[in-house]
């Protein structure tokens, strides 16, 4: 995965260098009028103290969003990447301007190749930063600045970023209103059962409340194979992960398959606890890519233009964002 991720970064070098050449404004800790967001409109970088480290996130606040807290879309970069590349790849800033949400691309802190990776509990190893705590601290910091509605947080991410938000939803479902991983849905740490099949370890994903899930996966993914395999940190396939989340969300109906376009089918579980839903967009022939992205993913495979993962994730969030109460009191 690392070599192929590096190939993607090479393909994105020209586009990304334009974004990296313009320094983002550094935002200081909040001192603002209650009920108003202290961040400027447009792009800025926030710095958050977490676990004894100074961590950063790229934030895009729409100019027409108003002064108060907004819904948050967390978008996590893949392994060997960084926040600025993820913002470009996902088109989150443009989507934020269209729909009026706060687009937030956190930065990993574990160096890998030309970028960073996430410290996914039980998968990445030991000794790295507590990235789950970082995500929590980041959400709380943005709320303290008057910018984030902690009751409405959509968590998405690409590849290793998808794996990270999946585990965060497993461990902190009260923080995630809905999640939408791309080419990286997980349902716990991969283990081998008595039959030799790789499955999610149940003890590593036991959320105390349901999480609505929509995910996107190509059938020709060379990094995180659709049917399972690849590196040990992937292990089980996306249909296995989907079935696990349907069980965790206590879904009573499904799976149902619905054609979406020439090469896209939607597989859904419904009748889930708390009004949740668990869905997968299967893209026939697509690789380890972000549906709707305009970048060339090179050896990572074909990227469909038949659907737009960013837009579909937002639509999904709109359906489910009023079903949640957010984190418990005191957080």
Protein backbone atom coordinates (compact mmCIF):
# COMPACT_ATOMS: atom_id res chain seq x y z
CA UNK A 1 0.00 0.00 0.00
CA UNK A 2 2.81 2.39 0.85
CA UNK A 3 4.47 2.14 -2.55
CA UNK A 4 1.20 2.58 -4.36
CA UNK A 5 0.25 5.50 -2.13
CA UNK A 6 3.57 7.12 -3.02
CA UNK A 7 2.66 6.67 -6.69
CA UNK A 8 -0.57 8.54 -6.09
CA UNK A 9 1.33 11.38 -4.47
CA UNK A 10 3.60 11.57 -7.49
CA UNK A 11 0.58 11.83 -9.77
CA UNK A 12 -0.77 14.66 -7.61
CA UNK A 13 2.51 16.57 -7.27
CA UNK A 14 1.76 19.34 -9.79
CA UNK A 15 -1.70 20.05 -8.42
CA UNK A 16 -0.71 19.75 -4.77
CA UNK A 17 2.34 21.98 -5.06
CA UNK A 18 0.06 24.87 -5.94
CA UNK A 19 -1.81 24.45 -2.66
CA UNK A 20 1.33 23.92 -0.59
CA UNK A 21 2.94 27.04 -2.05
CA UNK A 22 0.30 29.26 -0.43
CA UNK A 23 0.73 29.31 3.36
CA UNK A 24 -2.53 28.89 5.21
CA UNK A 25 -3.37 31.40 7.90
CA UNK A 26 -2.49 30.13 11.37
CA UNK A 27 -5.40 30.43 13.76
CA UNK A 28 -4.72 31.22 17.42
CA UNK A 29 -6.69 29.90 20.40
CA UNK A 30 -10.24 31.27 20.57
CA UNK A 31 -11.11 34.66 22.07
CA UNK A 32 -14.45 35.51 20.54
CA UNK A 33 -17.94 36.70 21.17
CA UNK A 34 -20.16 33.81 22.37
CA UNK A 35 -22.22 32.31 19.58
CA UNK A 36 -19.86 33.46 16.83
CA UNK A 37 -17.09 31.58 15.04
CA UNK A 38 -13.60 33.02 15.61
CA UNK A 39 -12.14 31.53 12.41
CA UNK A 40 -11.95 33.66 9.26
CA UNK A 41 -13.88 32.75 6.14
CA UNK A 42 -11.92 30.65 3.69
CA UNK A 43 -8.94 28.46 4.52
CA UNK A 44 -6.98 28.54 7.77
CA UNK A 45 -4.85 26.20 9.84
CA UNK A 46 -5.78 25.52 13.44
CA UNK A 47 -3.28 24.27 16.00
CA UNK A 48 -4.50 22.01 18.79
CA UNK A 49 -2.66 20.72 21.83
CA UNK A 50 -3.28 16.98 22.13
CA UNK A 51 -1.32 14.37 24.04
CA UNK A 52 1.55 16.76 24.67
CA UNK A 53 1.91 17.53 20.95
CA UNK A 54 0.94 20.49 18.84
CA UNK A 55 -1.31 19.08 16.12
CA UNK A 56 -2.79 20.85 13.12
CA UNK A 57 -5.80 20.70 10.83
CA UNK A 58 -6.68 22.54 7.65
CA UNK A 59 -10.11 24.17 7.96
CA UNK A 60 -12.31 25.70 5.28
CA UNK A 61 -15.13 27.94 6.54
CA UNK A 62 -17.62 29.08 3.87
CA UNK A 63 -17.92 32.83 3.44
CA UNK A 64 -21.73 32.65 3.40
CA UNK A 65 -22.03 30.36 6.39
CA UNK A 66 -23.10 32.91 9.00
CA UNK A 67 -21.51 33.54 12.39
CA UNK A 68 -22.61 30.53 14.43
CA UNK A 69 -21.51 26.90 14.75
CA UNK A 70 -21.81 24.69 11.68
CA UNK A 71 -22.02 21.03 10.83
CA UNK A 72 -18.53 19.52 10.54
CA UNK A 73 -17.16 17.22 7.87
CA UNK A 74 -13.90 15.62 9.00
CA UNK A 75 -11.94 14.33 5.99
CA UNK A 76 -8.83 12.29 6.80
CA UNK A 77 -5.98 11.80 4.36
CA UNK A 78 -4.64 8.42 3.30
CA UNK A 79 -1.29 6.94 4.28
CA UNK A 80 1.73 8.79 2.86
CA UNK A 81 -0.43 11.87 2.33
CA UNK A 82 -1.35 15.05 4.22
CA UNK A 83 -4.26 17.36 4.97
CA UNK A 84 -3.77 19.72 2.01
CA UNK A 85 -3.79 16.82 -0.45
CA UNK A 86 -6.93 15.35 1.10
CA UNK A 87 -8.75 18.68 0.85
CA UNK A 88 -7.91 18.75 -2.87
CA UNK A 89 -8.62 15.08 -3.50
CA UNK A 90 -12.05 15.14 -1.89
CA UNK A 91 -13.10 18.58 -3.13
CA UNK A 92 -14.29 19.26 0.42
CA UNK A 93 -13.71 23.03 0.34
CA UNK A 94 -15.88 23.44 -2.76
CA UNK A 95 -18.56 21.19 -1.25
CA UNK A 96 -18.44 23.24 1.97
CA UNK A 97 -19.09 26.40 -0.03
CA UNK A 98 -22.03 24.77 -1.81
CA UNK A 99 -23.67 23.32 1.29
CA UNK A 100 -22.53 25.50 4.18
CA UNK A 101 -20.56 23.13 6.40
CA UNK A 102 -17.16 23.38 8.06
CA UNK A 103 -14.64 21.24 6.12
CA UNK A 104 -11.85 19.98 8.38
CA UNK A 105 -8.81 18.01 7.18
CA UNK A 106 -6.72 16.88 10.18
CA UNK A 107 -2.99 16.25 9.76
CA UNK A 108 -1.46 12.93 10.79
CA UNK A 109 1.73 13.00 12.87
CA UNK A 110 3.49 9.72 12.03
CA UNK A 111 5.87 10.34 9.08
CA UNK A 112 5.58 7.91 6.19
CA UNK A 113 7.26 8.36 2.80
CA UNK A 114 6.38 11.89 1.62
CA UNK A 115 3.54 12.36 4.05
CA UNK A 116 2.01 10.92 7.20
CA UNK A 117 -0.07 8.00 8.39
CA UNK A 118 -2.65 7.56 11.15
CA UNK A 119 -2.07 5.58 14.32
CA UNK A 120 -5.04 3.24 14.06
CA UNK A 121 -5.48 1.37 17.37
CA UNK A 122 -4.60 -2.30 17.11
CA UNK A 123 -3.37 -1.95 13.53
CA UNK A 124 -0.54 0.56 13.13
CA UNK A 125 1.53 -0.52 16.13
CA UNK A 126 2.63 1.11 19.36
CA UNK A 127 4.50 4.27 20.27
CA UNK A 128 2.65 6.68 18.02
CA UNK A 129 0.31 9.53 19.01
CA UNK A 130 -3.21 8.90 20.24
CA UNK A 131 -5.00 9.96 17.07
CA UNK A 132 -8.45 9.16 18.45
CA UNK A 133 -7.80 11.64 21.25
CA UNK A 134 -6.55 14.14 18.67
CA UNK A 135 -9.82 13.92 16.72
CA UNK A 136 -11.80 14.45 19.92
CA UNK A 137 -9.60 17.37 20.96
CA UNK A 138 -9.92 18.88 17.50
CA UNK A 139 -13.71 18.73 17.51
CA UNK A 140 -13.80 20.25 21.00
CA UNK A 141 -11.36 23.00 19.98
CA UNK A 142 -13.48 23.95 16.99
CA UNK A 143 -16.55 24.00 19.22
CA UNK A 144 -14.72 26.25 21.72
CA UNK A 145 -13.96 28.62 18.85
CA UNK A 146 -17.69 28.84 18.21
CA UNK A 147 -17.35 27.14 14.82
CA UNK A 148 -18.41 23.49 15.23
CA UNK A 149 -21.70 21.87 16.17
CA UNK A 150 -20.54 18.75 18.05
CA UNK A 151 -23.96 17.16 17.52
CA UNK A 152 -23.40 17.10 13.76
CA UNK A 153 -20.08 15.55 12.76
CA UNK A 154 -19.64 13.54 9.57
CA UNK A 155 -16.39 11.56 9.55
CA UNK A 156 -14.93 10.53 6.22
CA UNK A 157 -11.49 9.61 4.98
CA UNK A 158 -9.58 7.97 2.17
CA UNK A 159 -7.75 4.63 2.47
CA UNK A 160 -5.87 4.66 5.79
CA UNK A 161 -7.94 7.71 6.72
CA UNK A 162 -11.06 5.65 6.18
CA UNK A 163 -9.65 2.95 8.40
CA UNK A 164 -8.94 5.61 11.06
CA UNK A 165 -12.45 7.11 11.08
CA UNK A 166 -13.94 3.61 11.14
CA UNK A 167 -12.07 2.77 14.32
CA UNK A 168 -12.92 6.16 15.81
CA UNK A 169 -16.61 5.39 15.20
CA UNK A 170 -16.14 1.98 16.85
CA UNK A 171 -14.66 3.55 19.97
CA UNK A 172 -16.43 6.93 20.11
CA UNK A 173 -19.81 6.57 18.39
CA UNK A 174 -21.19 9.50 20.42
CA UNK A 175 -18.76 11.73 18.51
CA UNK A 176 -19.72 10.57 15.02
CA UNK A 177 -23.14 11.49 13.66
CA UNK A 178 -22.44 9.43 10.53
CA UNK A 179 -19.39 8.12 8.71
CA UNK A 180 -18.47 7.76 5.05
CA UNK A 181 -15.09 6.04 4.49
CA UNK A 182 -13.77 5.78 0.94
CA UNK A 183 -11.73 2.66 0.02
CA UNK A 184 -11.12 1.98 3.71
CA UNK A 185 -14.15 0.82 5.71
CA UNK A 186 -13.17 -1.10 8.82
CA UNK A 187 -15.14 -2.80 11.57
CA UNK A 188 -12.36 -3.61 14.00
CA UNK A 189 -8.91 -5.16 14.00
CA UNK A 190 -8.46 -7.98 11.44
CA UNK A 191 -7.84 -11.44 12.94
CA UNK A 192 -7.87 -14.99 11.59
CA UNK A 193 -10.64 -17.25 12.87
CA UNK A 194 -10.51 -21.03 13.35
CA UNK A 195 -11.36 -21.65 9.71
CA UNK A 196 -8.46 -19.48 8.50
CA UNK A 197 -10.73 -16.64 7.39
CA UNK A 198 -9.80 -13.05 8.19
CA UNK A 199 -12.58 -11.30 10.10
CA UNK A 200 -12.96 -8.27 12.38
CA UNK A 201 -12.22 -9.02 16.04
CA UNK A 202 -15.58 -8.35 17.78
CA UNK A 203 -13.98 -6.97 20.95
CA UNK A 204 -12.24 -4.22 18.95
CA UNK A 205 -15.45 -2.69 17.59
CA UNK A 206 -18.32 -2.60 20.06
CA UNK A 207 -19.97 0.82 19.80
CA UNK A 208 -22.53 1.58 22.52
CA UNK A 209 -24.86 3.28 20.05
CA UNK A 210 -25.53 2.93 16.31
CA UNK A 211 -23.56 4.83 13.67
CA UNK A 212 -25.04 5.41 10.18
CA UNK A 213 -22.53 4.20 7.56
CA UNK A 214 -22.10 4.84 3.85
CA UNK A 215 -18.95 3.67 2.09
CA UNK A 216 -17.46 3.44 -1.40
CA UNK A 217 -15.26 0.68 -2.84
CA UNK A 218 -13.97 -0.34 -6.27
CA UNK A 219 -13.99 -3.99 -7.26
CA UNK A 220 -10.49 -3.66 -8.80
CA UNK A 221 -8.86 -2.01 -5.76
CA UNK A 222 -5.21 -3.19 -5.78
CA UNK A 223 -4.47 -1.96 -2.24
CA UNK A 224 -7.53 -2.84 -0.16
CA UNK A 225 -9.03 -5.67 -2.22
CA UNK A 226 -12.81 -5.68 -2.43
CA UNK A 227 -13.05 -9.34 -1.37
CA UNK A 228 -10.29 -9.16 1.22
CA UNK A 229 -6.58 -9.88 1.29
CA UNK A 230 -3.80 -7.42 0.66
CA UNK A 231 -1.66 -6.32 3.59
CA UNK A 232 -2.49 -7.75 7.06
CA UNK A 233 -3.81 -4.40 8.24
CA UNK A 234 -6.60 -4.69 5.64
CA UNK A 235 -7.43 -8.39 5.85
CA UNK A 236 -11.18 -8.76 5.42
CA UNK A 237 -13.21 -7.43 2.48
CA UNK A 238 -15.64 -4.53 2.38
CA UNK A 239 -18.72 -6.79 2.29
CA UNK A 240 -17.56 -8.37 5.55
CA UNK A 241 -17.06 -4.91 7.09
CA UNK A 242 -20.50 -3.85 5.83
CA UNK A 243 -22.18 -6.92 7.34
CA UNK A 244 -20.40 -6.26 10.65
CA UNK A 245 -21.72 -2.69 10.81
CA UNK A 246 -25.20 -3.91 9.90
CA UNK A 247 -24.99 -6.26 12.88
CA UNK A 248 -23.57 -3.55 15.17
CA UNK A 249 -26.37 -1.17 14.14
CA UNK A 250 -28.99 -3.92 14.63
CA UNK A 251 -30.31 -3.63 11.09
CA UNK A 252 -33.35 -5.81 10.44
CA UNK A 253 -33.59 -5.61 6.65
CA UNK A 254 -31.12 -6.27 3.85
CA UNK A 255 -28.83 -6.52 2.15
CA UNK A 256 -30.66 -5.12 -0.87
CA UNK A 257 -28.86 -4.28 -4.12
CA UNK A 258 -30.02 -1.31 -6.20
CA UNK A 259 -28.49 -0.29 -9.57
CA UNK A 260 -27.27 3.32 -9.51
CA UNK A 261 -25.53 3.69 -12.88
CA UNK A 262 -23.84 1.60 -15.56
CA UNK A 263 -21.00 0.48 -13.26
CA UNK A 264 -22.31 1.31 -9.78
CA UNK A 265 -24.59 -0.65 -7.46
CA UNK A 266 -25.73 0.31 -3.97
CA UNK A 267 -25.95 -2.41 -1.32
CA UNK A 268 -28.05 -1.36 1.67
CA UNK A 269 -29.16 -2.52 5.11
CA UNK A 270 -32.11 -0.70 6.66
CA UNK A 271 -34.45 -0.90 9.63
CA UNK A 272 -31.47 -0.22 11.88
CA UNK A 273 -31.52 0.92 15.48
CA UNK A 274 -31.95 4.65 16.01
CA UNK A 275 -32.87 5.24 12.36
CA UNK A 276 -29.38 4.32 11.15
CA UNK A 277 -28.61 2.88 7.71
CA UNK A 278 -25.61 0.92 6.39
CA UNK A 279 -24.81 1.23 2.67
CA UNK A 280 -22.05 0.44 0.21
CA UNK A 281 -21.55 1.88 -3.27
CA UNK A 282 -19.78 -0.84 -5.26
CA UNK A 283 -17.99 0.53 -8.34
CA UNK A 284 -17.28 -2.15 -10.93
CA UNK A 285 -13.72 -1.90 -12.25
CA UNK A 286 -12.65 1.02 -10.05
CA UNK A 287 -9.39 1.02 -8.17
CA UNK A 288 -8.14 2.46 -4.89
CA UNK A 289 -9.63 5.84 -5.73
CA UNK A 290 -12.08 8.57 -4.63
CA UNK A 291 -15.23 8.48 -6.80
CA UNK A 292 -15.73 11.79 -8.58
CA UNK A 293 -12.16 13.03 -8.05
CA UNK A 294 -10.50 14.69 -11.03
CA UNK A 295 -6.93 13.64 -10.17
CA UNK A 296 -5.07 10.87 -11.97
CA UNK A 297 -4.53 8.03 -9.50
CA UNK A 298 -2.00 6.32 -11.77
CA UNK A 299 -1.31 2.69 -10.76
CA UNK A 300 -4.01 2.84 -8.09
CA UNK A 301 -6.55 2.39 -10.85
CA UNK A 302 -9.55 3.90 -12.58
CA UNK A 303 -11.66 6.59 -10.86
CA UNK A 304 -15.33 6.73 -11.76
CA UNK A 305 -17.16 9.92 -12.69
CA UNK A 306 -20.55 8.18 -12.48
CA UNK A 307 -20.92 9.15 -8.83
CA UNK A 308 -19.36 11.74 -6.52
CA UNK A 309 -18.44 10.32 -3.10
CA UNK A 310 -18.24 13.75 -1.46
CA UNK A 311 -21.72 14.76 -2.61
CA UNK A 312 -23.29 11.40 -1.77
CA UNK A 313 -21.69 11.42 1.67
CA UNK A 314 -23.17 14.86 2.37
CA UNK A 315 -26.61 13.75 1.19
CA UNK A 316 -26.37 10.73 3.47
CA UNK A 317 -25.38 12.96 6.38
CA UNK A 318 -28.34 15.24 5.72
CA UNK A 319 -30.66 12.25 6.14
CA UNK A 320 -29.18 11.19 9.46
CA UNK A 321 -27.80 14.26 11.19
CA UNK A 322 -30.94 14.93 13.26
CA UNK A 323 -30.98 11.42 14.75
CA UNK A 324 -28.07 12.11 17.11
CA UNK A 325 -27.57 13.92 20.39
CA UNK A 326 -23.78 14.35 20.20
CA UNK A 327 -21.26 13.74 22.99
CA UNK A 328 -22.38 13.36 26.60
CA UNK A 329 -22.61 16.34 28.91
CA UNK A 330 -19.27 17.67 30.08
CA UNK A 331 -17.45 16.91 26.80
